Amino acid sequence: MFANTLRRALCSLWGALVLLGAGNAFAGYSDTINLVKGVTDISHKVYDLHMLVFWICVVVCVGVFAVLIYSIIYHRKSKGAKPATFHESTTVEIIWTTIPFLVLVVMAVPATTTLLALEDTRDADMSIQVTGYQWKWKYDYLDEDISFFSVLTTPREQIEGSEPKSENYLVEVDNPIVVPINKKIRFLITSNDVIHSWWVPALGWKQDAVPGFINDGWTELSEPGTYRGKCAELCGKDHGFMPIVLIAKTEEDYAAWVAEQKGAAEADAAAATQTWSMDDLIARGESVYNTNCAACHQANGAGIPGVFPAITGSAIATGDMAGHVDIVMNGKAGTAMQAFGAQLNDVDLAAVITFQRNALGNSAGDMVQPSDIAAAR
């Protein structure tokens, strides 16, 4: 009675697992539960290796549990089974040593080949340095003299739940990283503060960003497209708010993007020599503040008591302007206040300081010009 009941239960369980596996395999399994297959040759190699090891594990598990269940049912004491008395069988020792060895060889050969391909960053057509900050990414195109920060653009209202979530909630940025197709691109990955991890699943790999150390990786895309990722290392309060957006363009479109970036840099340089009005500084400063400061000091400038100080009514934002410029540019040691001097240009620094002094409940009545920031540098 017990044997029949157990047999029916095990058959039902096995049938459910088979049906579940088949359903997942043919109904989007690879896109929901399984490893992302990716869009590059190296990502396909990683996926194929993963599936090879997976199916080997499935076969081993099925074999082991089949023998285990068979032994429980047909060699139990109630059936009069008697334990074997042999000891130290050379044949058994050879079998259970040889089979696992062969299995490991079958896995080790393709694993080594894939790992070597992953690490082969030689003969790259271009190099991009990726630097992690709390909580944003900086990209330096070493061959094009282009540099910019990439920051989350999901509105605070969506994050706080007062507005519906958008389609690309928490995976949208102001400045995506742009690369050409059919070019081998080497990424040099490091960090400015704590350990981050640069991860775009479609590329087939991720790499840690470690302060004072450079890791590298590479990719080569064959089709234009947009691919999204995130920091994959718990890096602090806003770890979940530093996404990655990578856009692959044709070589012609990429060349146009490079020209656009260089034109924008020239425009920023020209803007830094101009004298700005109070209204223009405050308007630009509000955008800079919401992108770089609101996460800690809050959109209304109230801060988080005991954690992040308020901008509203603070001695810095309402006091000596030189001190305000200094702390925004150079940060404050021993606190979470970053040095924004290397992150923002002269216009953005002048604008955000002016905004902090004349908005968010403050009314200092003075303003900072880009020329003041240039002098402070």
Protein backbone atom coordinates (compact mmCIF):
# COMPACT_ATOMS: atom_id res chain seq x y z
CA MET A 1 0.00 0.00 0.00
CA PHE A 2 2.75 2.41 1.03
CA ALA A 3 4.81 1.57 -2.06
CA ASN A 4 1.89 2.20 -4.43
CA THR A 5 1.03 5.50 -2.78
CA LEU A 6 4.64 6.66 -2.85
CA ARG A 7 5.02 5.58 -6.47
CA ARG A 8 1.89 7.52 -7.53
CA ALA A 9 3.04 10.61 -5.65
CA LEU A 10 6.50 10.50 -7.19
CA CYS A 11 5.08 9.97 -10.68
CA SER A 12 2.74 12.92 -10.23
CA LEU A 13 5.57 15.12 -8.98
CA TRP A 14 7.83 14.08 -11.84
CA GLY A 15 5.09 14.70 -14.39
CA ALA A 16 4.47 18.16 -12.97
CA LEU A 17 8.18 18.99 -13.15
CA VAL A 18 8.42 17.77 -16.73
CA LEU A 19 5.37 19.78 -17.78
CA LEU A 20 6.66 22.85 -15.95
CA GLY A 21 10.06 22.54 -17.61
CA ALA A 22 8.55 22.02 -21.05
CA GLY A 23 6.19 24.93 -20.59
CA ASN A 24 8.99 27.24 -19.52
CA ALA A 25 11.25 26.08 -22.33
CA PHE A 26 8.67 26.84 -25.01
CA ALA A 27 6.82 29.79 -23.45
CA GLY A 28 9.43 32.45 -22.78
CA TYR A 29 11.53 30.50 -20.28
CA SER A 30 14.76 32.03 -21.57
CA ASP A 31 13.36 35.54 -21.11
CA THR A 32 11.92 35.18 -17.62
CA ILE A 33 13.77 32.68 -15.46
CA ASN A 34 16.79 31.55 -17.41
CA LEU A 35 20.02 33.39 -18.20
CA VAL A 36 19.59 36.15 -20.80
CA LYS A 37 20.90 34.92 -24.14
CA GLY A 38 22.21 38.35 -25.13
CA VAL A 39 22.96 39.97 -28.48
CA THR A 40 26.71 39.47 -28.93
CA ASP A 41 28.78 36.45 -29.96
CA ILE A 42 30.40 36.26 -26.54
CA SER A 43 27.02 36.41 -24.80
CA HIS A 44 25.86 33.48 -26.95
CA LYS A 45 28.95 31.50 -25.93
CA VAL A 46 28.23 32.22 -22.27
CA TYR A 47 24.60 31.17 -22.72
CA ASP A 48 25.55 27.94 -24.51
CA LEU A 49 28.04 27.10 -21.77
CA HIS A 50 25.39 27.76 -19.14
CA MET A 51 22.89 25.48 -20.88
CA LEU A 52 25.50 22.71 -21.31
CA VAL A 53 26.29 22.74 -17.59
CA PHE A 54 22.58 23.00 -16.75
CA TRP A 55 21.64 19.89 -18.73
CA ILE A 56 24.59 17.94 -17.35
CA CYS A 57 23.36 18.82 -13.86
CA VAL A 58 19.83 17.76 -14.83
CA VAL A 59 21.02 14.37 -16.09
CA VAL A 60 23.16 13.81 -12.97
CA CYS A 61 20.33 14.80 -10.63
CA VAL A 62 17.78 12.62 -12.44
CA GLY A 63 20.17 9.65 -12.36
CA VAL A 64 21.07 10.06 -8.68
CA PHE A 65 17.50 10.59 -7.49
CA ALA A 66 16.20 7.77 -9.69
CA VAL A 67 18.64 5.33 -8.05
CA LEU A 68 17.84 6.79 -4.62
CA ILE A 69 14.07 6.52 -5.05
CA TYR A 70 14.32 3.03 -6.58
CA SER A 71 16.46 1.89 -3.65
CA ILE A 72 14.03 3.34 -1.09
CA ILE A 73 11.07 1.57 -2.70
CA TYR A 74 12.50 -1.83 -3.64
CA HIS A 75 15.25 -2.34 -1.07
CA ARG A 76 13.46 -1.32 2.12
CA LYS A 77 13.41 -3.53 5.19
CA SER A 78 9.70 -4.40 4.85
CA LYS A 79 10.46 -6.18 1.57
CA GLY A 80 13.10 -8.28 3.26
CA ALA A 81 16.07 -6.54 1.67
CA LYS A 82 19.45 -7.45 3.13
CA PRO A 83 22.36 -4.98 3.07
CA ALA A 84 25.44 -5.94 1.07
CA THR A 85 28.51 -6.83 3.08
CA PHE A 86 31.26 -6.06 0.55
CA HIS A 87 33.84 -3.41 1.46
CA GLU A 88 36.32 -1.35 -0.58
CA SER A 89 35.30 -2.53 -4.05
CA THR A 90 38.00 -1.47 -6.49
CA THR A 91 35.55 -1.57 -9.39
CA VAL A 92 33.10 0.77 -7.64
CA GLU A 93 35.90 3.14 -6.67
CA ILE A 94 37.12 3.33 -10.28
CA ILE A 95 33.59 3.90 -11.64
CA TRP A 96 32.61 6.69 -9.26
CA THR A 97 35.97 8.41 -9.76
CA THR A 98 36.16 8.08 -13.55
CA ILE A 99 32.61 9.24 -14.36
CA PRO A 100 32.80 12.54 -12.40
CA PHE A 101 36.26 13.17 -13.87
CA LEU A 102 34.93 12.78 -17.41
CA VAL A 103 31.96 15.03 -16.59
CA LEU A 104 34.30 17.73 -15.29
CA VAL A 105 36.45 17.49 -18.43
CA VAL A 106 33.35 17.89 -20.61
CA MET A 107 32.50 21.08 -18.67
CA ALA A 108 36.04 22.40 -18.28
CA VAL A 109 37.02 22.49 -21.96
CA PRO A 110 34.21 24.80 -23.18
CA ALA A 111 34.35 26.79 -19.93
CA THR A 112 38.05 27.53 -20.42
CA THR A 113 37.50 28.47 -24.06
CA THR A 114 34.68 30.86 -23.15
CA LEU A 115 36.60 32.41 -20.26
CA LEU A 116 39.63 33.08 -22.47
CA ALA A 117 37.36 34.72 -25.05
CA LEU A 118 35.76 36.87 -22.36
CA GLU A 119 39.14 38.13 -21.18
CA ASP A 120 40.61 38.77 -24.64
CA THR A 121 40.46 42.58 -24.91
CA ARG A 122 43.33 42.79 -27.40
CA ASP A 123 43.10 44.66 -30.70
CA ALA A 124 40.17 46.84 -29.61
CA ASP A 125 38.99 49.49 -32.08
CA MET A 126 38.14 51.96 -29.29
CA SER A 127 38.32 52.27 -25.51
CA ILE A 128 35.82 53.73 -23.04
CA GLN A 129 36.61 54.30 -19.37
CA VAL A 130 33.65 53.65 -17.07
CA THR A 131 33.81 55.17 -13.58
CA GLY A 132 31.23 54.47 -10.90
CA TYR A 133 30.10 57.23 -8.54
CA GLN A 134 27.45 57.25 -5.83
CA TRP A 135 25.11 57.03 -7.70
CA LYS A 136 25.85 57.61 -11.36
CA TRP A 137 28.25 56.55 -14.09
CA LYS A 138 30.90 58.58 -15.88
CA TYR A 139 32.03 57.68 -19.40
CA ASP A 140 35.31 58.87 -20.93
CA TYR A 141 35.83 58.11 -24.62
CA LEU A 142 39.61 57.88 -24.64
CA ASP A 143 39.88 58.07 -28.43
CA GLU A 144 37.42 60.93 -28.97
CA ASP A 145 38.06 63.29 -26.02
CA ILE A 146 34.40 62.99 -24.98
CA SER A 147 33.40 62.80 -21.32
CA PHE A 148 30.03 62.91 -19.58
CA PHE A 149 28.02 61.64 -16.61
CA SER A 150 24.99 59.42 -17.00
CA VAL A 151 22.31 59.94 -14.35
CA LEU A 152 18.89 58.43 -13.66
CA THR A 153 16.02 60.51 -15.08
CA THR A 154 13.03 58.69 -13.58
CA PRO A 155 11.00 61.46 -11.87
CA ARG A 156 11.00 61.49 -8.06
CA GLU A 157 7.18 61.39 -8.18
CA GLN A 158 7.32 57.91 -9.74
CA ILE A 159 9.91 56.72 -7.23
CA GLU A 160 7.82 58.02 -4.32
CA GLY A 161 4.65 56.47 -5.74
CA SER A 162 2.64 59.63 -6.39
CA GLU A 163 2.67 59.00 -10.16
CA PRO A 164 2.31 55.80 -12.24
CA LYS A 165 5.52 54.00 -13.16
CA SER A 166 6.76 54.53 -16.72
CA GLU A 167 7.74 51.74 -19.12
CA ASN A 168 11.45 52.21 -18.39
CA TYR A 169 11.07 52.91 -14.69
CA LEU A 170 14.51 53.18 -13.02
CA VAL A 171 16.32 52.24 -16.26
CA GLU A 172 16.30 55.61 -18.07
CA VAL A 173 19.14 58.14 -18.07
CA ASP A 174 19.93 61.61 -19.33
CA ASN A 175 23.10 60.65 -21.22
CA PRO A 176 23.22 57.05 -22.49
CA ILE A 177 26.51 55.51 -23.53
CA VAL A 178 26.63 55.36 -27.34
CA VAL A 179 28.79 52.91 -29.33
CA PRO A 180 29.19 51.98 -33.00
CA ILE A 181 28.29 48.56 -34.35
CA ASN A 182 30.88 46.24 -35.93
CA LYS A 183 33.65 47.63 -33.70
CA LYS A 184 35.44 45.89 -30.86
CA ILE A 185 34.99 48.14 -27.84
CA ARG A 186 37.12 47.81 -24.72
CA PHE A 187 35.67 49.02 -21.42
CA LEU A 188 38.06 50.07 -18.63
CA ILE A 189 36.01 49.92 -15.44
CA THR A 190 36.87 51.58 -12.11
CA SER A 191 35.23 53.53 -9.27
CA ASN A 192 35.61 56.90 -7.61
CA ASP A 193 34.27 55.92 -4.19
CA VAL A 194 32.94 52.44 -3.30
CA ILE A 195 32.65 49.14 -5.17
CA HIS A 196 30.09 49.21 -7.99
CA SER A 197 29.46 46.68 -10.75
CA TRP A 198 28.77 47.57 -14.41
CA TRP A 199 26.25 45.10 -15.82
CA VAL A 200 24.34 45.06 -19.11
CA PRO A 201 22.79 41.56 -19.39
CA ALA A 202 22.55 41.68 -23.18
CA LEU A 203 26.35 41.91 -23.44
CA GLY A 204 26.81 38.62 -21.58
CA TRP A 205 29.09 39.80 -18.75
CA LYS A 206 29.42 42.15 -15.81
CA GLN A 207 32.53 43.65 -14.24
CA ASP A 208 33.21 45.09 -10.80
CA ALA A 209 34.21 48.74 -10.50
CA VAL A 210 36.79 48.87 -7.70
CA PRO A 211 38.37 52.10 -6.37
CA GLY A 212 42.05 52.36 -7.33
CA PHE A 213 41.87 49.37 -9.67
CA ILE A 214 40.91 48.93 -13.32
CA ASN A 215 39.03 45.89 -14.62
CA ASP A 216 38.23 45.50 -18.27
CA GLY A 217 35.76 43.85 -20.60
CA TRP A 218 34.79 44.08 -24.24
CA THR A 219 31.90 43.82 -26.61
CA GLU A 220 31.13 43.94 -30.32
CA LEU A 221 27.57 44.56 -31.45
CA SER A 222 26.36 43.72 -34.95
CA GLU A 223 22.93 45.39 -34.91
CA PRO A 224 21.73 48.83 -33.74
CA GLY A 225 19.64 48.76 -30.59
CA THR A 226 19.16 49.95 -27.01
CA TYR A 227 20.28 47.78 -24.12
CA ARG A 228 19.71 48.47 -20.43
CA GLY A 229 21.43 47.40 -17.25
CA LYS A 230 22.14 48.43 -13.66
CA CYS A 231 24.77 48.49 -10.99
CA ALA A 232 24.97 44.90 -9.73
CA GLU A 233 26.80 45.63 -6.46
CA LEU A 234 25.14 46.90 -3.29
CA CYS A 235 26.83 50.32 -3.20
CA GLY A 236 24.81 52.41 -0.77
CA LYS A 237 21.53 54.24 -0.29
CA ASP A 238 20.67 54.76 -3.98
CA HIS A 239 22.16 51.53 -5.32
CA GLY A 240 18.93 50.81 -7.18
CA PHE A 241 19.00 54.21 -8.88
CA MET A 242 22.13 54.09 -11.06
CA PRO A 243 21.05 52.42 -14.31
CA ILE A 244 22.99 51.89 -17.53
CA VAL A 245 21.60 52.58 -21.00
CA LEU A 246 23.76 51.56 -23.96
CA ILE A 247 22.76 52.53 -27.50
CA ALA A 248 24.42 50.86 -30.48
CA LYS A 249 24.35 52.96 -33.66
CA THR A 250 25.53 52.50 -37.22
CA GLU A 251 28.96 53.95 -37.91
CA GLU A 252 27.39 56.92 -39.73
CA ASP A 253 24.99 57.69 -36.88
CA TYR A 254 27.78 57.24 -34.35
CA ALA A 255 29.96 59.74 -36.20
CA ALA A 256 27.06 62.22 -36.15
CA TRP A 257 26.65 61.66 -32.39
CA VAL A 258 30.37 62.31 -31.82
CA ALA A 259 30.12 65.57 -33.76
CA GLU A 260 27.06 66.53 -31.70
CA GLN A 261 28.86 65.85 -28.42
CA LYS A 262 31.86 67.92 -29.44
CA GLY A 263 29.57 70.74 -30.53
CA ALA A 264 27.79 70.65 -27.17
CA ALA A 265 31.16 70.80 -25.36
CA GLU A 266 32.11 73.88 -27.37
CA ALA A 267 28.75 75.47 -26.56
CA ASP A 268 29.27 74.82 -22.85
CA ALA A 269 32.72 76.37 -23.04
CA ALA A 270 31.27 79.45 -24.71
CA ALA A 271 28.43 79.65 -22.15
CA ALA A 272 31.00 79.67 -19.34
CA THR A 273 32.36 83.00 -20.60
CA GLN A 274 28.97 84.71 -20.56
CA THR A 275 27.27 86.68 -17.80
CA TRP A 276 24.02 84.96 -16.82
CA SER A 277 20.87 86.53 -15.40
CA MET A 278 19.47 85.44 -12.05
CA ASP A 279 16.39 83.89 -13.66
CA ASP A 280 18.44 81.87 -16.16
CA LEU A 281 20.79 80.62 -13.43
CA ILE A 282 17.87 79.55 -11.20
CA ALA A 283 16.09 77.80 -14.08
CA ARG A 284 19.18 75.81 -15.02
CA GLY A 285 20.12 75.28 -11.39
CA GLU A 286 16.78 73.65 -10.61
CA SER A 287 17.43 70.98 -13.26
CA VAL A 288 20.98 70.41 -11.98
CA TYR A 289 19.74 70.20 -8.38
CA ASN A 290 17.01 67.66 -9.20
CA THR A 291 19.52 65.48 -11.02
CA ASN A 292 22.43 65.64 -8.58
CA CYS A 293 21.25 66.84 -5.18
CA ALA A 294 17.60 65.90 -4.62
CA ALA A 295 18.30 62.25 -3.84
CA CYS A 296 19.96 63.25 -0.55
CA HIS A 297 18.69 66.74 0.23
CA GLN A 298 15.16 66.03 -1.13
CA ALA A 299 13.37 67.90 -3.90
CA ASN A 300 12.09 70.52 -1.45
CA GLY A 301 15.48 71.04 0.21
CA ALA A 302 14.31 69.65 3.57
CA GLY A 303 16.96 66.91 3.70
CA ILE A 304 16.60 63.81 5.88
CA PRO A 305 16.96 64.70 9.58
CA GLY A 306 19.95 63.00 11.13
CA VAL A 307 21.16 61.68 7.79
CA PHE A 308 21.39 64.43 5.16
CA PRO A 309 21.27 68.12 6.13
CA ALA A 310 18.62 70.47 4.78
CA ILE A 311 19.41 73.12 2.18
CA THR A 312 16.47 75.23 3.32
CA GLY A 313 17.66 77.69 5.96
CA SER A 314 21.13 76.13 6.20
CA ALA A 315 24.05 78.27 7.30
CA ILE A 316 25.95 77.30 4.15
CA ALA A 317 23.21 78.18 1.65
CA THR A 318 22.38 81.47 3.37
CA GLY A 319 25.84 82.45 4.57
CA ASP A 320 29.22 83.21 3.03
CA MET A 321 29.15 82.51 -0.71
CA ALA A 322 32.81 81.44 -0.84
CA GLY A 323 32.14 78.72 1.71
CA HIS A 324 29.14 77.54 -0.27
CA VAL A 325 31.17 77.36 -3.48
CA ASP A 326 33.94 75.49 -1.69
CA ILE A 327 31.76 72.74 -0.21
CA VAL A 328 29.87 72.14 -3.47
CA MET A 329 33.09 71.95 -5.48
CA ASN A 330 35.26 70.05 -2.99
CA GLY A 331 32.78 68.15 -0.85
CA LYS A 332 33.16 67.50 2.86
CA ALA A 333 35.51 64.83 4.17
CA GLY A 334 33.97 62.15 6.36
CA THR A 335 30.45 62.70 5.00
CA ALA A 336 28.40 61.63 1.99
CA MET A 337 28.83 65.10 0.46
CA GLN A 338 30.63 64.52 -2.83
CA ALA A 339 33.02 66.88 -4.59
CA PHE A 340 31.12 68.13 -7.63
CA GLY A 341 33.98 70.22 -8.98
CA ALA A 342 35.06 67.39 -11.29
CA GLN A 343 31.51 66.29 -12.08
CA LEU A 344 29.84 69.54 -13.20
CA ASN A 345 30.98 72.27 -15.55
CA ASP A 346 31.33 75.92 -14.53
CA VAL A 347 27.84 76.89 -15.72
CA ASP A 348 26.11 74.04 -13.89
CA LEU A 349 28.03 74.71 -10.67
CA ALA A 350 27.20 78.42 -10.78
CA ALA A 351 23.56 77.63 -11.55
CA VAL A 352 23.00 75.07 -8.80
CA ILE A 353 24.67 77.21 -6.14
CA THR A 354 22.58 80.22 -7.19
CA PHE A 355 19.45 78.03 -7.12
CA GLN A 356 20.21 76.76 -3.62
CA ARG A 357 20.73 80.31 -2.34
CA ASN A 358 17.58 81.76 -3.93
CA ALA A 359 15.07 78.90 -3.96
CA LEU A 360 13.98 76.04 -1.69
CA GLY A 361 12.86 78.64 0.87
CA ASN A 362 16.13 80.62 0.78
CA SER A 363 16.49 84.21 -0.44
CA ALA A 364 20.13 85.26 -0.18
CA GLY A 365 19.65 87.59 -3.13
CA ASP A 366 23.12 87.02 -4.59
CA MET A 367 24.30 84.85 -7.45
CA VAL A 368 27.36 83.03 -8.73
CA GLN A 369 28.64 83.48 -12.27
CA PRO A 370 30.55 80.79 -14.23
CA SER A 371 33.59 83.10 -14.13
CA ASP A 372 33.50 82.89 -10.31
CA ILE A 373 33.68 79.10 -10.51
CA ALA A 374 36.54 79.29 -13.00
CA ALA A 375 38.42 81.55 -10.57
CA ALA A 376 37.71 79.19 -7.68
CA ARG A 377 39.21 76.29 -9.61
